[in-house]
Amino acid sequence: MTIRPAGRPVGRRSLAALLAGAGAALPAGLARAQGSFPNQPIRLVVSQAAGSNTDVVARLMAEPMARKLGQPVVVENRAGANGVIATTYIKQQRPDGHVIALVGVSLLTFNPYLYSNLPYDPARDFTYIAPVTDTPFVLVASPKSGITSLAAFVERAKAQPGRLTFSSAGIGNSTHLATEMLADRTGIRLTHVPYAGTTQALTAVMTGEVDAMISVLGNALPQIRNRALVPLATVAATRSRDLPDLPTLTEAGVDAPVMPGWLALVGPAGMPEPVVTLLNGAVHEAMADPAVVQNMVSSNIVPIPGSAEDIRRRVARDGEVWGGFIRAKNLRVE
């Protein structure tokens, strides 16, 4: 099935007409649900655990979305297996808009290359609704490692191949792939130590259990400020306003693509276009809410509201870069 774009925003009168017209072509039960959407609380499924970057964004946007839609938006965490648990669950739900999911770039772009038997197809099993946010990453080291710069990190790794360790939030996670790309572009060999989530992976760096990690900046920043982590480079297109003296990888002489950190709202395949349009509008309104904007800025999260077509373009672009890298390195998750 081809996933249709959300289309142009429409006014309330036009939306009502579209809902009525589309309902005539649907089974009676689904037509009634669509015609009165939303007529029950909306479940916003999150593919990561509570406290993760995805969970934080979901909880920030839930209340303003609820005000726009006139129904509660309830965040539901279904973490595990690089998001496969949540995405498999979503594809099995009724496509009436009452169960949707906030998913990361890895679920739509990386997993198809990492898994030989992925139980979902990003192009066939979901309705794309809206892009939501993006986030920068940062390379940090343990204070116990004695490493204080990217140059020192690379120099030690070259002198002792495989001796330096790095943690991640799981095999195939963005935090894993970003470090593999860094190692590839600098010609070093590191030892990967995967953990069950970002919190555990960062804790391992702070305690010196591992030497380094590439983390979402918002998760690492409080510990950087507390000097529990040593920042080595910003993994983003530009420097962070919170760490203005920290160079980007490019500025530090590493020619590597920026790790995308975007989140998108999706639902089961076959959602009616008027419902998608209404949900897309609710995301736009949430991203413009002053309280949400303030919270996101303080957490180094960047709102990127747009159309369903914008998600498709991101998936295609990032799949070309990172899917090719995954194939070249023969990185697999079984």
Protein backbone atom coordinates (compact mmCIF):
# COMPACT_ATOMS: atom_id res chain seq x y z
CA MET A 1 0.00 0.00 0.00
CA THR A 2 1.29 3.47 -0.84
CA ILE A 3 1.22 5.88 2.11
CA ARG A 4 -0.51 9.07 1.13
CA PRO A 5 0.76 12.50 2.18
CA ALA A 6 -1.19 14.61 4.63
CA GLY A 7 -1.96 17.19 1.96
CA ARG A 8 -2.61 20.89 2.42
CA PRO A 9 -4.24 22.21 5.60
CA VAL A 10 -7.98 22.70 5.26
CA GLY A 11 -10.46 24.79 7.17
CA ARG A 12 -13.05 23.41 9.55
CA ARG A 13 -15.89 23.51 7.02
CA SER A 14 -13.76 21.80 4.36
CA LEU A 15 -12.58 19.23 6.86
CA ALA A 16 -16.14 18.39 7.85
CA ALA A 17 -17.06 17.94 4.19
CA LEU A 18 -14.05 15.73 3.55
CA LEU A 19 -14.83 13.60 6.57
CA ALA A 20 -18.41 13.10 5.41
CA GLY A 21 -17.36 12.26 1.87
CA ALA A 22 -14.56 9.90 2.85
CA GLY A 23 -16.81 8.12 5.32
CA ALA A 24 -19.16 7.00 2.55
CA ALA A 25 -16.45 4.82 1.05
CA LEU A 26 -15.54 3.12 4.32
CA PRO A 27 -17.07 0.24 6.26
CA ALA A 28 -19.86 1.49 8.52
CA GLY A 29 -17.91 1.09 11.79
CA LEU A 30 -14.83 2.90 10.55
CA ALA A 31 -16.90 5.58 8.81
CA ARG A 32 -18.66 6.40 12.10
CA ALA A 33 -15.33 6.56 13.92
CA GLN A 34 -13.80 8.80 11.26
CA GLY A 35 -16.80 11.10 11.06
CA SER A 36 -16.60 11.93 14.75
CA PHE A 37 -12.82 11.78 15.16
CA PRO A 38 -11.65 11.91 17.81
CA ASN A 39 -14.43 10.35 19.87
CA GLN A 40 -12.23 8.77 22.58
CA PRO A 41 -8.83 9.35 24.21
CA ILE A 42 -5.88 9.10 21.82
CA ARG A 43 -3.11 6.71 22.78
CA LEU A 44 0.32 8.04 21.86
CA VAL A 45 2.67 5.05 21.83
CA VAL A 46 6.35 5.72 22.52
CA SER A 47 8.99 3.27 21.36
CA GLN A 48 11.38 4.05 24.22
CA ALA A 49 11.28 3.94 28.01
CA ALA A 50 10.11 6.73 30.30
CA GLY A 51 12.72 9.48 30.59
CA SER A 52 14.13 8.92 27.09
CA ASN A 53 14.30 11.74 24.55
CA THR A 54 11.27 10.34 22.68
CA ASP A 55 9.28 10.04 25.90
CA VAL A 56 10.11 13.62 26.91
CA VAL A 57 8.91 14.97 23.55
CA ALA A 58 5.72 12.88 23.68
CA ARG A 59 4.80 14.19 27.11
CA LEU A 60 5.55 17.79 26.13
CA MET A 61 3.28 17.64 23.07
CA ALA A 62 0.46 15.55 24.62
CA GLU A 63 -1.33 18.36 26.48
CA PRO A 64 -1.41 20.97 23.66
CA MET A 65 -2.45 18.26 21.20
CA ALA A 66 -5.26 17.27 23.56
CA ARG A 67 -6.49 20.88 23.69
CA LYS A 68 -6.56 21.03 19.90
CA LEU A 69 -8.29 17.67 19.48
CA GLY A 70 -10.72 17.90 22.40
CA GLN A 71 -9.70 14.49 23.77
CA PRO A 72 -6.97 13.38 26.22
CA VAL A 73 -3.70 12.26 24.64
CA VAL A 74 -2.30 9.45 26.79
CA VAL A 75 1.38 8.52 26.46
CA GLU A 76 1.97 4.76 26.45
CA ASN A 77 5.52 3.39 26.63
CA ARG A 78 6.20 0.17 24.70
CA ALA A 79 9.98 -0.02 24.75
CA GLY A 80 12.30 -2.78 23.57
CA ALA A 81 14.00 -4.41 20.59
CA ASN A 82 15.12 -1.15 18.95
CA GLY A 83 11.51 -0.03 18.70
CA VAL A 84 10.31 -3.19 16.97
CA ILE A 85 7.85 -3.93 19.80
CA ALA A 86 6.12 -0.55 19.47
CA THR A 87 6.06 -0.45 15.68
CA THR A 88 4.73 -3.99 15.38
CA TYR A 89 2.00 -3.10 17.84
CA ILE A 90 1.06 0.05 15.93
CA LYS A 91 0.72 -1.66 12.57
CA GLN A 92 -1.87 -4.03 14.09
CA GLN A 93 -4.21 -1.26 15.31
CA ARG A 94 -7.34 0.10 13.69
CA PRO A 95 -6.46 2.98 11.33
CA ASP A 96 -8.97 5.40 12.86
CA GLY A 97 -6.39 7.76 14.41
CA HIS A 98 -6.99 6.84 18.05
CA VAL A 99 -3.73 4.88 18.37
CA ILE A 100 -0.67 6.63 16.97
CA ALA A 101 3.05 6.51 17.72
CA LEU A 102 6.02 8.81 18.13
CA VAL A 103 8.97 7.00 16.56
CA GLY A 104 12.60 7.82 15.89
CA VAL A 105 14.67 7.82 12.73
CA SER A 106 16.10 4.38 13.53
CA LEU A 107 12.72 2.66 13.31
CA LEU A 108 11.92 3.94 9.83
CA THR A 109 15.40 4.31 8.36
CA PHE A 110 17.98 2.07 10.10
CA ASN A 111 16.05 -1.03 11.13
CA PRO A 112 15.19 -2.16 7.57
CA TYR A 113 18.95 -2.50 6.95
CA LEU A 114 19.83 -3.95 10.35
CA TYR A 115 17.24 -6.76 10.60
CA SER A 116 16.96 -9.62 8.14
CA ASN A 117 13.43 -10.50 9.32
CA LEU A 118 11.94 -7.15 10.34
CA PRO A 119 8.24 -7.70 11.19
CA TYR A 120 7.14 -4.46 9.56
CA ASP A 121 7.70 -2.50 6.36
CA PRO A 122 8.13 1.28 6.92
CA ALA A 123 6.67 2.11 3.50
CA ARG A 124 3.71 -0.28 3.64
CA ASP A 125 2.61 -0.71 7.25
CA PHE A 126 2.30 2.89 8.45
CA THR A 127 0.59 6.16 7.69
CA TYR A 128 3.02 9.05 7.99
CA ILE A 129 1.44 11.95 9.88
CA ALA A 130 4.03 14.61 10.73
CA PRO A 131 7.70 15.22 11.50
CA VAL A 132 8.01 16.48 15.07
CA THR A 133 11.51 17.24 16.36
CA ASP A 134 15.22 16.82 15.71
CA THR A 135 18.08 16.74 18.21
CA PRO A 136 21.87 17.07 18.12
CA PHE A 137 24.29 14.52 19.58
CA VAL A 138 27.54 14.92 21.50
CA LEU A 139 30.64 12.75 21.95
CA VAL A 140 31.50 12.48 25.64
CA ALA A 141 34.26 10.69 27.56
CA SER A 142 34.57 9.41 31.09
CA PRO A 143 36.56 11.69 33.42
CA LYS A 144 38.39 8.52 34.49
CA SER A 145 39.67 8.00 30.94
CA GLY A 146 41.81 11.13 31.07
CA ILE A 147 40.68 12.04 27.54
CA THR A 148 39.84 15.73 27.14
CA SER A 149 39.69 16.28 23.36
CA LEU A 150 38.67 14.50 20.18
CA ALA A 151 42.28 14.58 18.99
CA ALA A 152 43.41 12.80 22.16
CA PHE A 153 40.60 10.26 21.77
CA VAL A 154 41.64 9.41 18.21
CA GLU A 155 45.35 9.37 19.09
CA ARG A 156 44.86 6.90 21.94
CA ALA A 157 42.56 4.70 19.85
CA LYS A 158 45.18 4.51 17.09
CA ALA A 159 47.92 3.69 19.60
CA GLN A 160 45.83 0.97 21.25
CA PRO A 161 43.42 -0.49 18.63
CA GLY A 162 40.30 -1.99 20.25
CA ARG A 163 41.34 -0.95 23.75
CA LEU A 164 39.02 2.04 24.05
CA THR A 165 35.39 1.14 24.73
CA PHE A 166 32.16 2.95 23.91
CA SER A 167 28.64 2.41 25.15
CA SER A 168 25.35 2.75 23.31
CA ALA A 169 21.64 2.42 23.93
CA GLY A 170 21.67 -0.87 21.98
CA ILE A 171 23.01 -2.52 18.84
CA GLY A 172 21.81 -0.58 15.82
CA ASN A 173 20.70 2.39 17.91
CA SER A 174 21.64 5.89 16.72
CA THR A 175 24.18 6.12 19.54
CA HIS A 176 25.83 2.96 18.19
CA LEU A 177 25.80 3.86 14.50
CA ALA A 178 27.10 7.39 15.09
CA THR A 179 30.17 6.04 16.91
CA GLU A 180 30.76 3.37 14.27
CA MET A 181 30.72 6.13 11.65
CA LEU A 182 33.19 8.20 13.71
CA ALA A 183 35.51 5.20 14.00
CA ASP A 184 35.25 4.52 10.26
CA ARG A 185 36.01 8.10 9.23
CA THR A 186 38.97 8.44 11.63
CA GLY A 187 40.44 5.01 10.93
CA ILE A 188 40.26 3.77 14.52
CA ARG A 189 38.99 0.57 16.10
CA LEU A 190 36.81 0.71 19.24
CA THR A 191 35.09 -1.95 21.33
CA HIS A 192 31.31 -1.65 21.53
CA VAL A 193 29.50 -2.24 24.84
CA PRO A 194 25.72 -2.05 24.28
CA TYR A 195 23.28 -1.32 27.12
CA ALA A 196 19.51 -1.54 27.49
CA GLY A 197 18.98 2.22 27.22
CA THR A 198 20.50 5.70 27.20
CA THR A 199 20.48 6.12 30.98
CA GLN A 200 22.44 2.93 31.56
CA ALA A 201 24.87 3.74 28.75
CA LEU A 202 25.59 7.23 30.06
CA THR A 203 25.96 5.95 33.62
CA ALA A 204 28.57 3.49 32.40
CA VAL A 205 30.60 6.39 30.97
CA MET A 206 30.28 8.44 34.14
CA THR A 207 31.47 5.58 36.34
CA GLY A 208 34.34 4.71 34.01
CA GLU A 209 32.92 1.31 33.11
CA VAL A 210 33.37 2.39 29.49
CA ASP A 211 35.46 5.18 28.01
CA ALA A 212 33.10 7.14 25.78
CA MET A 213 29.72 7.49 24.11
CA ILE A 214 27.87 9.54 21.52
CA SER A 215 24.67 10.62 23.26
CA VAL A 216 21.69 12.83 22.57
CA LEU A 217 22.92 16.24 23.77
CA GLY A 218 19.90 16.91 25.96
CA ASN A 219 20.50 13.70 27.92
CA ALA A 220 24.21 14.33 28.43
CA LEU A 221 24.19 18.08 29.08
CA PRO A 222 23.29 18.02 32.80
CA GLN A 223 26.15 15.60 33.47
CA ILE A 224 28.51 17.68 31.34
CA ARG A 225 27.64 20.70 33.47
CA ASN A 226 28.23 18.63 36.61
CA ARG A 227 31.61 17.54 35.15
CA ALA A 228 30.55 13.91 35.33
CA LEU A 229 31.12 13.71 31.57
CA VAL A 230 33.82 15.30 29.42
CA PRO A 231 32.53 16.72 26.10
CA LEU A 232 34.80 16.05 23.10
CA ALA A 233 32.78 17.21 20.07
CA THR A 234 29.29 18.19 19.00
CA VAL A 235 27.80 15.69 16.54
CA ALA A 236 25.66 18.20 14.68
CA ALA A 237 25.82 20.64 11.78
CA THR A 238 26.47 23.61 14.09
CA ARG A 239 27.79 24.22 17.59
CA SER A 240 25.44 24.09 20.54
CA ARG A 241 24.48 27.37 22.17
CA ASP A 242 24.97 25.62 25.52
CA LEU A 243 28.49 24.50 24.59
CA PRO A 244 29.68 27.30 22.31
CA ASP A 245 33.37 26.45 22.70
CA LEU A 246 32.89 22.80 21.72
CA PRO A 247 33.70 22.16 18.05
CA THR A 248 31.60 20.06 15.73
CA LEU A 249 33.12 16.91 14.25
CA THR A 250 33.63 18.78 10.97
CA GLU A 251 35.40 21.65 12.70
CA ALA A 252 37.60 19.10 14.47
CA GLY A 253 38.66 17.68 11.11
CA VAL A 254 36.36 14.64 10.85
CA ASP A 255 34.52 14.31 7.56
CA ALA A 256 31.42 12.41 8.69
CA PRO A 257 27.70 12.84 8.05
CA VAL A 258 25.65 14.25 10.91
CA MET A 259 23.66 11.63 12.79
CA PRO A 260 19.95 12.46 12.29
CA GLY A 261 17.94 12.57 15.50
CA TRP A 262 14.46 13.26 14.21
CA LEU A 263 11.16 11.98 15.58
CA ALA A 264 7.97 11.54 13.58
CA LEU A 265 4.32 10.82 14.27
CA VAL A 266 2.92 7.75 12.49
CA GLY A 267 -0.15 5.57 12.63
CA PRO A 268 -1.37 2.27 11.14
CA ALA A 269 -1.57 2.03 7.35
CA GLY A 270 -4.81 3.20 5.78
CA MET A 271 -5.67 6.18 7.99
CA PRO A 272 -8.13 8.54 6.25
CA GLU A 273 -6.45 11.67 4.92
CA PRO A 274 -8.76 14.09 6.80
CA VAL A 275 -7.82 12.42 10.10
CA VAL A 276 -4.14 12.68 9.18
CA THR A 277 -4.63 16.37 8.37
CA LEU A 278 -6.29 17.01 11.73
CA LEU A 279 -3.51 15.23 13.63
CA ASN A 280 -0.85 17.04 11.61
CA GLY A 281 -2.47 20.34 12.55
CA ALA A 282 -2.47 19.33 16.22
CA VAL A 283 1.29 18.66 16.00
CA HIS A 284 1.87 22.09 14.43
CA GLU A 285 -0.12 23.73 17.21
CA ALA A 286 1.77 21.80 19.89
CA MET A 287 5.14 22.77 18.39
CA ALA A 288 4.10 26.44 18.47
CA ASP A 289 2.93 26.35 22.10
CA PRO A 290 5.17 28.77 24.09
CA ALA A 291 5.59 26.37 27.02
CA VAL A 292 6.54 23.52 24.69
CA VAL A 293 9.00 25.69 22.77
CA GLN A 294 10.64 26.86 26.01
CA ASN A 295 10.99 23.31 27.29
CA MET A 296 12.38 22.05 24.02
CA VAL A 297 14.93 24.84 23.75
CA SER A 298 16.15 24.14 27.27
CA SER A 299 16.46 20.43 26.37
CA ASN A 300 18.27 21.07 23.05
CA ILE A 301 15.33 19.72 21.06
CA VAL A 302 14.44 21.43 17.78
CA PRO A 303 10.79 21.48 16.58
CA ILE A 304 10.52 20.54 12.87
CA PRO A 305 6.78 20.50 12.11
CA GLY A 306 5.99 19.76 8.48
CA SER A 307 4.06 17.47 6.16
CA ALA A 308 3.91 13.71 5.78
CA GLU A 309 5.93 14.16 2.59
CA ASP A 310 8.71 15.72 4.69
CA ILE A 311 9.04 12.44 6.60
CA ARG A 312 9.27 10.49 3.36
CA ARG A 313 12.06 12.75 2.13
CA ARG A 314 13.97 12.33 5.40
CA VAL A 315 13.58 8.55 5.30
CA ALA A 316 14.86 8.41 1.71
CA ARG A 317 17.79 10.78 2.32
CA ASP A 318 18.95 9.23 5.59
CA GLY A 319 18.40 5.71 4.28
CA GLU A 320 20.74 6.40 1.37
CA VAL A 321 23.52 7.59 3.70
CA TRP A 322 23.11 5.39 6.74
CA GLY A 323 21.60 2.36 5.04
CA GLY A 324 24.59 2.29 2.73
CA PHE A 325 26.93 2.54 5.73
CA ILE A 326 25.14 -0.30 7.55
CA ARG A 327 25.45 -2.53 4.47
CA ALA A 328 29.09 -1.62 3.93
CA LYS A 329 29.96 -2.47 7.54
CA ASN A 330 27.74 -5.56 7.52
CA LEU A 331 26.09 -4.45 10.77
CA ARG A 332 23.26 -6.82 11.66
CA VAL A 333 20.86 -7.36 14.54
CA GLU A 334 19.51 -10.87 14.92
